[in-house]
Amino acid sequence: MPMRPIHVVAFSEIWNFNAMMSFIAARVSTI
């Protein structure tokens, strides 16, 4: 399988980071 373009990898990394941050923020706000 060929490597994905750098901008596609960067976009998925940013999306994963934002999803993780919002998940952590939701968990912290419930405490």
N, C-alpha and C. Protein backbone atom coordinates (compact mmCIF):
# COMPACT_ATOMS: atom_id res chain seq x y z
N MET A 1 0.85 -1.19 0.00
CA MET A 1 0.00 0.00 0.00
C MET A 1 0.88 1.23 0.00
N PRO A 2 0.67 2.15 -0.94
CA PRO A 2 1.52 3.35 -1.00
C PRO A 2 1.27 4.26 0.19
N MET A 3 2.27 5.05 0.51
CA MET A 3 2.14 5.98 1.63
C MET A 3 1.12 7.05 1.29
N ARG A 4 0.38 7.46 2.30
CA ARG A 4 -0.59 8.54 2.08
C ARG A 4 0.15 9.87 1.97
N PRO A 5 -0.43 10.83 1.25
CA PRO A 5 0.19 12.16 1.17
C PRO A 5 0.34 12.76 2.56
N ILE A 6 1.36 13.61 2.70
CA ILE A 6 1.65 14.19 4.01
C ILE A 6 0.47 15.00 4.53
N HIS A 7 -0.20 15.74 3.65
CA HIS A 7 -1.29 16.59 4.14
C HIS A 7 -2.47 15.74 4.62
N VAL A 8 -2.63 14.55 4.04
CA VAL A 8 -3.71 13.66 4.50
C VAL A 8 -3.37 13.13 5.89
N VAL A 9 -2.10 12.75 6.09
CA VAL A 9 -1.67 12.25 7.39
C VAL A 9 -1.80 13.35 8.44
N ALA A 10 -1.37 14.56 8.08
CA ALA A 10 -1.43 15.68 9.02
C ALA A 10 -2.88 15.98 9.38
N PHE A 11 -3.78 15.92 8.40
CA PHE A 11 -5.19 16.20 8.67
C PHE A 11 -5.77 15.18 9.64
N SER A 12 -5.45 13.90 9.43
CA SER A 12 -5.97 12.86 10.32
C SER A 12 -5.38 13.00 11.72
N GLU A 13 -4.11 13.39 11.79
CA GLU A 13 -3.49 13.58 13.11
C GLU A 13 -4.15 14.73 13.85
N ILE A 14 -4.42 15.84 13.14
CA ILE A 14 -5.08 16.99 13.77
C ILE A 14 -6.49 16.61 14.20
N TRP A 15 -7.20 15.85 13.35
CA TRP A 15 -8.56 15.45 13.69
C TRP A 15 -8.56 14.56 14.93
N ASN A 16 -7.61 13.61 14.98
CA ASN A 16 -7.52 12.73 16.14
C ASN A 16 -7.18 13.53 17.39
N PHE A 17 -6.30 14.51 17.28
CA PHE A 17 -5.92 15.34 18.42
C PHE A 17 -7.11 16.13 18.92
N ASN A 18 -7.86 16.74 17.99
CA ASN A 18 -9.04 17.52 18.39
C ASN A 18 -10.09 16.63 19.04
N ALA A 19 -10.28 15.43 18.51
CA ALA A 19 -11.26 14.52 19.09
C ALA A 19 -10.84 14.10 20.49
N MET A 20 -9.55 13.84 20.68
CA MET A 20 -9.05 13.46 22.00
C MET A 20 -9.19 14.61 22.99
N MET A 21 -8.86 15.83 22.54
CA MET A 21 -8.96 16.99 23.43
C MET A 21 -10.41 17.22 23.84
N SER A 22 -11.35 17.13 22.91
CA SER A 22 -12.76 17.36 23.25
C SER A 22 -13.27 16.24 24.17
N PHE A 23 -12.78 15.01 23.96
CA PHE A 23 -13.17 13.91 24.83
C PHE A 23 -12.68 14.13 26.25
N ILE A 24 -11.41 14.55 26.38
CA ILE A 24 -10.84 14.83 27.70
C ILE A 24 -11.57 16.00 28.35
N ALA A 25 -11.87 17.03 27.58
CA ALA A 25 -12.58 18.19 28.13
C ALA A 25 -13.96 17.78 28.63
N ALA A 26 -14.64 16.90 27.90
CA ALA A 26 -15.95 16.44 28.34
C ALA A 26 -15.83 15.62 29.63
N ARG A 27 -14.80 14.79 29.72
CA ARG A 27 -14.60 13.99 30.93
C ARG A 27 -14.29 14.88 32.12
N VAL A 28 -13.45 15.90 31.92
CA VAL A 28 -13.06 16.78 33.02
C VAL A 28 -14.25 17.62 33.48
N SER A 29 -15.08 18.05 32.55
CA SER A 29 -16.21 18.91 32.92
C SER A 29 -17.25 18.15 33.73
N THR A 30 -17.28 16.82 33.61
CA THR A 30 -18.26 16.04 34.36
C THR A 30 -17.81 15.80 35.79
N ILE A 31 -16.53 16.00 36.08
CA ILE A 31 -16.01 15.77 37.43
C ILE A 31 -16.43 16.91 38.35
